[in-house]
Amino acid sequence: MNSMQNQICQVLEECKASSILVINTEGKTVICDFMIIATAESSRQMQFIAQTLLRDFKKDRMQSNAETDENWTLIDLGDAIVHIMTPEARNTINLEEIWSKR
């Protein structure tokens, strides 16, 4: 894992996200080098995790933004895209399967 991956995973763990998965997307897409998928038990926890990640990465002067709904938050951190999902959304959307086929 590189430094950015470690930093993101550390924040996710500190915010009590579960089932954290890093997917290497180098050579599969030009939008990012890796994706991280994590589960939040509620939309409130999902918002807290997103706010914490955005705050921490803005300190590092990184360009970042987030798109959110009640079941899924996508955070674009440049080289990384972080997906924070409720368990229901994660099971329904199944990004792990989609990206394993690429």
N, C-alpha and C. Protein backbone atom coordinates (compact mmCIF):
# COMPACT_ATOMS: atom_id res chain seq x y z
N MET A 1 0.84 -1.19 0.00
CA MET A 1 0.00 0.00 0.00
C MET A 1 0.87 1.24 0.00
N ASN A 2 0.47 2.24 -0.77
CA ASN A 2 1.24 3.48 -0.76
C ASN A 2 0.76 4.39 0.37
N SER A 3 1.43 5.52 0.51
CA SER A 3 1.17 6.44 1.62
C SER A 3 -0.26 6.95 1.61
N MET A 4 -0.76 7.33 0.43
CA MET A 4 -2.13 7.84 0.35
C MET A 4 -3.14 6.76 0.73
N GLN A 5 -2.94 5.55 0.24
CA GLN A 5 -3.83 4.45 0.60
C GLN A 5 -3.83 4.23 2.11
N ASN A 6 -2.64 4.24 2.69
CA ASN A 6 -2.54 4.06 4.14
C ASN A 6 -3.27 5.15 4.89
N GLN A 7 -3.11 6.39 4.45
CA GLN A 7 -3.75 7.52 5.11
C GLN A 7 -5.27 7.41 5.04
N ILE A 8 -5.79 7.08 3.87
CA ILE A 8 -7.24 6.93 3.70
C ILE A 8 -7.76 5.79 4.58
N CYS A 9 -7.10 4.64 4.52
CA CYS A 9 -7.53 3.49 5.31
C CYS A 9 -7.47 3.78 6.81
N GLN A 10 -6.48 4.53 7.23
CA GLN A 10 -6.37 4.89 8.65
C GLN A 10 -7.57 5.75 9.08
N VAL A 11 -7.94 6.73 8.25
CA VAL A 11 -9.11 7.56 8.57
C VAL A 11 -10.37 6.69 8.61
N LEU A 12 -10.52 5.81 7.63
CA LEU A 12 -11.70 4.94 7.61
C LEU A 12 -11.77 4.07 8.87
N GLU A 13 -10.65 3.52 9.27
CA GLU A 13 -10.62 2.69 10.48
C GLU A 13 -10.94 3.51 11.72
N GLU A 14 -10.37 4.71 11.82
CA GLU A 14 -10.62 5.58 12.97
C GLU A 14 -12.09 5.98 13.05
N CYS A 15 -12.75 6.10 11.90
CA CYS A 15 -14.17 6.47 11.85
C CYS A 15 -15.08 5.25 11.95
N LYS A 16 -14.50 4.09 12.19
CA LYS A 16 -15.24 2.83 12.39
C LYS A 16 -15.96 2.32 11.14
N ALA A 17 -15.41 2.64 9.96
CA ALA A 17 -15.93 2.01 8.74
C ALA A 17 -15.55 0.54 8.77
N SER A 18 -16.32 -0.28 8.08
CA SER A 18 -16.02 -1.71 8.06
C SER A 18 -15.81 -2.20 6.64
N SER A 19 -15.32 -3.42 6.53
CA SER A 19 -15.13 -4.08 5.23
C SER A 19 -14.40 -3.19 4.23
N ILE A 20 -13.26 -2.66 4.66
CA ILE A 20 -12.47 -1.75 3.82
C ILE A 20 -11.72 -2.58 2.77
N LEU A 21 -11.88 -2.18 1.50
CA LEU A 21 -11.27 -2.90 0.40
C LEU A 21 -10.59 -1.91 -0.53
N VAL A 22 -9.32 -2.18 -0.87
CA VAL A 22 -8.57 -1.36 -1.82
C VAL A 22 -8.52 -2.10 -3.14
N ILE A 23 -8.89 -1.41 -4.22
CA ILE A 23 -8.86 -1.99 -5.56
C ILE A 23 -7.89 -1.19 -6.42
N ASN A 24 -6.86 -1.85 -6.93
CA ASN A 24 -5.91 -1.21 -7.82
C ASN A 24 -6.56 -1.05 -9.18
N THR A 25 -6.65 0.20 -9.67
CA THR A 25 -7.29 0.44 -10.96
C THR A 25 -6.30 0.94 -12.01
N GLU A 26 -5.01 0.91 -11.69
CA GLU A 26 -4.01 1.33 -12.68
C GLU A 26 -4.14 0.43 -13.91
N GLY A 27 -4.17 1.05 -15.08
CA GLY A 27 -4.31 0.32 -16.33
C GLY A 27 -5.73 -0.09 -16.65
N LYS A 28 -6.67 0.11 -15.71
CA LYS A 28 -8.07 -0.23 -15.94
C LYS A 28 -8.92 1.00 -16.24
N THR A 29 -8.48 2.15 -15.74
CA THR A 29 -9.20 3.40 -15.94
C THR A 29 -8.22 4.56 -15.81
N VAL A 30 -8.56 5.68 -16.41
CA VAL A 30 -7.70 6.87 -16.29
C VAL A 30 -8.18 7.81 -15.19
N ILE A 31 -9.31 7.50 -14.56
CA ILE A 31 -9.86 8.42 -13.57
C ILE A 31 -9.18 8.36 -12.21
N CYS A 32 -8.53 7.24 -11.90
CA CYS A 32 -7.84 7.13 -10.60
C CYS A 32 -6.86 5.95 -10.66
N ASP A 33 -5.95 5.93 -9.68
CA ASP A 33 -5.00 4.82 -9.57
C ASP A 33 -5.54 3.69 -8.71
N PHE A 34 -6.42 4.05 -7.77
CA PHE A 34 -7.03 3.03 -6.93
C PHE A 34 -8.36 3.54 -6.36
N MET A 35 -9.20 2.59 -6.01
CA MET A 35 -10.47 2.87 -5.35
C MET A 35 -10.45 2.19 -3.99
N ILE A 36 -11.12 2.82 -3.07
CA ILE A 36 -11.31 2.20 -1.76
C ILE A 36 -12.81 2.17 -1.50
N ILE A 37 -13.28 1.00 -1.12
CA ILE A 37 -14.70 0.82 -0.80
C ILE A 37 -14.79 0.49 0.68
N ALA A 38 -15.72 1.15 1.37
CA ALA A 38 -15.91 0.88 2.79
C ALA A 38 -17.40 0.95 3.12
N THR A 39 -17.77 0.29 4.19
CA THR A 39 -19.16 0.26 4.61
C THR A 39 -19.34 1.11 5.86
N ALA A 40 -20.42 1.90 5.86
CA ALA A 40 -20.85 2.67 7.03
C ALA A 40 -22.21 2.11 7.45
N GLU A 41 -22.44 2.03 8.72
CA GLU A 41 -23.67 1.41 9.21
C GLU A 41 -24.89 2.32 9.11
N SER A 42 -24.68 3.61 8.86
CA SER A 42 -25.80 4.54 8.76
C SER A 42 -25.41 5.71 7.86
N SER A 43 -26.40 6.45 7.39
CA SER A 43 -26.09 7.63 6.58
C SER A 43 -25.37 8.68 7.41
N ARG A 44 -25.66 8.74 8.69
CA ARG A 44 -24.99 9.68 9.58
C ARG A 44 -23.49 9.36 9.69
N GLN A 45 -23.17 8.09 9.87
CA GLN A 45 -21.76 7.67 9.93
C GLN A 45 -21.09 7.93 8.59
N MET A 46 -21.81 7.68 7.50
CA MET A 46 -21.27 7.91 6.17
C MET A 46 -20.90 9.38 5.99
N GLN A 47 -21.76 10.28 6.43
CA GLN A 47 -21.48 11.72 6.35
C GLN A 47 -20.28 12.10 7.19
N PHE A 48 -20.18 11.53 8.39
CA PHE A 48 -19.05 11.81 9.27
C PHE A 48 -17.74 11.38 8.63
N ILE A 49 -17.72 10.19 8.06
CA ILE A 49 -16.51 9.68 7.40
C ILE A 49 -16.13 10.59 6.24
N ALA A 50 -17.09 10.96 5.42
CA ALA A 50 -16.82 11.83 4.27
C ALA A 50 -16.27 13.18 4.72
N GLN A 51 -16.89 13.78 5.71
CA GLN A 51 -16.42 15.07 6.22
C GLN A 51 -15.00 14.97 6.76
N THR A 52 -14.71 13.87 7.46
CA THR A 52 -13.37 13.68 8.02
C THR A 52 -12.34 13.53 6.91
N LEU A 53 -12.63 12.71 5.91
CA LEU A 53 -11.70 12.55 4.79
C LEU A 53 -11.47 13.87 4.05
N LEU A 54 -12.55 14.58 3.75
CA LEU A 54 -12.41 15.86 3.03
C LEU A 54 -11.59 16.86 3.85
N ARG A 55 -11.85 16.92 5.13
CA ARG A 55 -11.09 17.83 6.01
C ARG A 55 -9.60 17.46 6.03
N ASP A 56 -9.32 16.20 6.21
CA ASP A 56 -7.92 15.76 6.31
C ASP A 56 -7.16 15.98 5.01
N PHE A 57 -7.80 15.73 3.89
CA PHE A 57 -7.09 15.87 2.62
C PHE A 57 -7.02 17.32 2.16
N LYS A 58 -7.93 18.16 2.60
CA LYS A 58 -7.80 19.58 2.29
C LYS A 58 -6.62 20.19 3.04
N LYS A 59 -6.29 19.64 4.22
CA LYS A 59 -5.10 20.09 4.95
C LYS A 59 -3.85 19.87 4.10
N ASP A 60 -3.85 18.80 3.33
CA ASP A 60 -2.71 18.48 2.46
C ASP A 60 -2.79 19.23 1.13
N ARG A 61 -3.73 20.19 1.04
CA ARG A 61 -3.93 21.03 -0.14
C ARG A 61 -4.30 20.23 -1.38
N MET A 62 -4.96 19.12 -1.17
CA MET A 62 -5.40 18.31 -2.30
C MET A 62 -6.75 18.80 -2.77
N GLN A 63 -6.95 18.76 -4.06
CA GLN A 63 -8.26 19.05 -4.64
C GLN A 63 -9.16 17.85 -4.34
N SER A 64 -10.30 18.09 -3.76
CA SER A 64 -11.19 16.98 -3.44
C SER A 64 -12.63 17.44 -3.49
N ASN A 65 -13.51 16.50 -3.74
CA ASN A 65 -14.94 16.79 -3.69
C ASN A 65 -15.70 15.51 -3.43
N ALA A 66 -16.98 15.67 -3.09
CA ALA A 66 -17.80 14.51 -2.76
C ALA A 66 -19.19 14.65 -3.37
N GLU A 67 -19.74 13.53 -3.76
CA GLU A 67 -21.12 13.43 -4.19
C GLU A 67 -21.78 12.44 -3.24
N THR A 68 -22.97 12.77 -2.77
CA THR A 68 -23.57 11.90 -1.77
C THR A 68 -25.07 11.78 -1.94
N ASP A 69 -25.59 10.64 -1.52
CA ASP A 69 -27.02 10.47 -1.31
C ASP A 69 -27.15 9.71 0.00
N GLU A 70 -28.33 9.25 0.32
CA GLU A 70 -28.51 8.65 1.65
C GLU A 70 -27.85 7.29 1.81
N ASN A 71 -27.45 6.63 0.71
CA ASN A 71 -26.88 5.28 0.79
C ASN A 71 -25.46 5.15 0.27
N TRP A 72 -24.95 6.20 -0.36
CA TRP A 72 -23.65 6.08 -1.03
C TRP A 72 -23.01 7.46 -1.11
N THR A 73 -21.75 7.53 -0.72
CA THR A 73 -20.97 8.75 -0.90
C THR A 73 -19.73 8.41 -1.70
N LEU A 74 -19.47 9.19 -2.73
CA LEU A 74 -18.28 9.03 -3.55
C LEU A 74 -17.40 10.24 -3.31
N ILE A 75 -16.15 10.00 -2.93
CA ILE A 75 -15.21 11.08 -2.68
C ILE A 75 -14.07 10.96 -3.68
N ASP A 76 -13.86 12.01 -4.44
CA ASP A 76 -12.79 12.05 -5.44
C ASP A 76 -11.61 12.78 -4.82
N LEU A 77 -10.52 12.05 -4.60
CA LEU A 77 -9.30 12.61 -4.02
C LEU A 77 -8.17 12.65 -5.05
N GLY A 78 -8.51 12.73 -6.31
CA GLY A 78 -7.49 12.78 -7.36
C GLY A 78 -7.06 11.39 -7.76
N ASP A 79 -5.95 10.91 -7.19
CA ASP A 79 -5.45 9.56 -7.50
C ASP A 79 -6.33 8.46 -6.92
N ALA A 80 -7.20 8.83 -5.99
CA ALA A 80 -8.04 7.85 -5.31
C ALA A 80 -9.51 8.26 -5.36
N ILE A 81 -10.36 7.27 -5.50
CA ILE A 81 -11.80 7.48 -5.34
C ILE A 81 -12.23 6.58 -4.19
N VAL A 82 -12.94 7.19 -3.24
CA VAL A 82 -13.40 6.45 -2.07
C VAL A 82 -14.92 6.34 -2.14
N HIS A 83 -15.41 5.12 -2.02
CA HIS A 83 -16.84 4.84 -2.00
C HIS A 83 -17.20 4.43 -0.57
N ILE A 84 -18.10 5.18 0.05
CA ILE A 84 -18.60 4.82 1.37
C ILE A 84 -20.07 4.49 1.19
N MET A 85 -20.46 3.28 1.56
CA MET A 85 -21.81 2.82 1.28
C MET A 85 -22.44 2.18 2.50
N THR A 86 -23.77 2.26 2.53
CA THR A 86 -24.49 1.47 3.53
C THR A 86 -24.39 0.00 3.12
N PRO A 87 -24.61 -0.92 4.04
CA PRO A 87 -24.54 -2.35 3.67
C PRO A 87 -25.48 -2.71 2.52
N GLU A 88 -26.68 -2.14 2.53
CA GLU A 88 -27.66 -2.44 1.49
C GLU A 88 -27.16 -1.98 0.12
N ALA A 89 -26.65 -0.75 0.05
CA ALA A 89 -26.15 -0.22 -1.22
C ALA A 89 -24.95 -1.02 -1.70
N ARG A 90 -24.07 -1.38 -0.78
CA ARG A 90 -22.88 -2.14 -1.17
C ARG A 90 -23.26 -3.49 -1.75
N ASN A 91 -24.23 -4.15 -1.15
CA ASN A 91 -24.68 -5.45 -1.67
C ASN A 91 -25.37 -5.31 -3.01
N THR A 92 -26.16 -4.26 -3.18
CA THR A 92 -26.91 -4.06 -4.41
C THR A 92 -26.00 -3.66 -5.57
N ILE A 93 -25.13 -2.71 -5.33
CA ILE A 93 -24.28 -2.18 -6.40
C ILE A 93 -23.12 -3.10 -6.72
N ASN A 94 -22.52 -3.70 -5.70
CA ASN A 94 -21.46 -4.70 -5.83
C ASN A 94 -20.29 -4.25 -6.71
N LEU A 95 -19.69 -3.13 -6.32
CA LEU A 95 -18.53 -2.62 -7.06
C LEU A 95 -17.37 -3.62 -7.11
N GLU A 96 -17.23 -4.41 -6.07
CA GLU A 96 -16.15 -5.40 -6.05
C GLU A 96 -16.24 -6.33 -7.25
N GLU A 97 -17.43 -6.80 -7.55
CA GLU A 97 -17.61 -7.69 -8.70
C GLU A 97 -17.39 -6.95 -10.01
N ILE A 98 -17.91 -5.75 -10.11
CA ILE A 98 -17.75 -4.97 -11.34
C ILE A 98 -16.27 -4.77 -11.66
N TRP A 99 -15.48 -4.36 -10.67
CA TRP A 99 -14.06 -4.07 -10.91
C TRP A 99 -13.20 -5.31 -10.98
N SER A 100 -13.66 -6.44 -10.44
CA SER A 100 -12.88 -7.68 -10.55
C SER A 100 -12.93 -8.23 -11.97
N LYS A 101 -13.92 -7.84 -12.75
CA LYS A 101 -14.06 -8.32 -14.13
C LYS A 101 -13.24 -7.50 -15.11
N ARG A 102 -12.64 -6.43 -14.67
CA ARG A 102 -11.87 -5.56 -15.57
C ARG A 102 -10.43 -5.96 -15.64
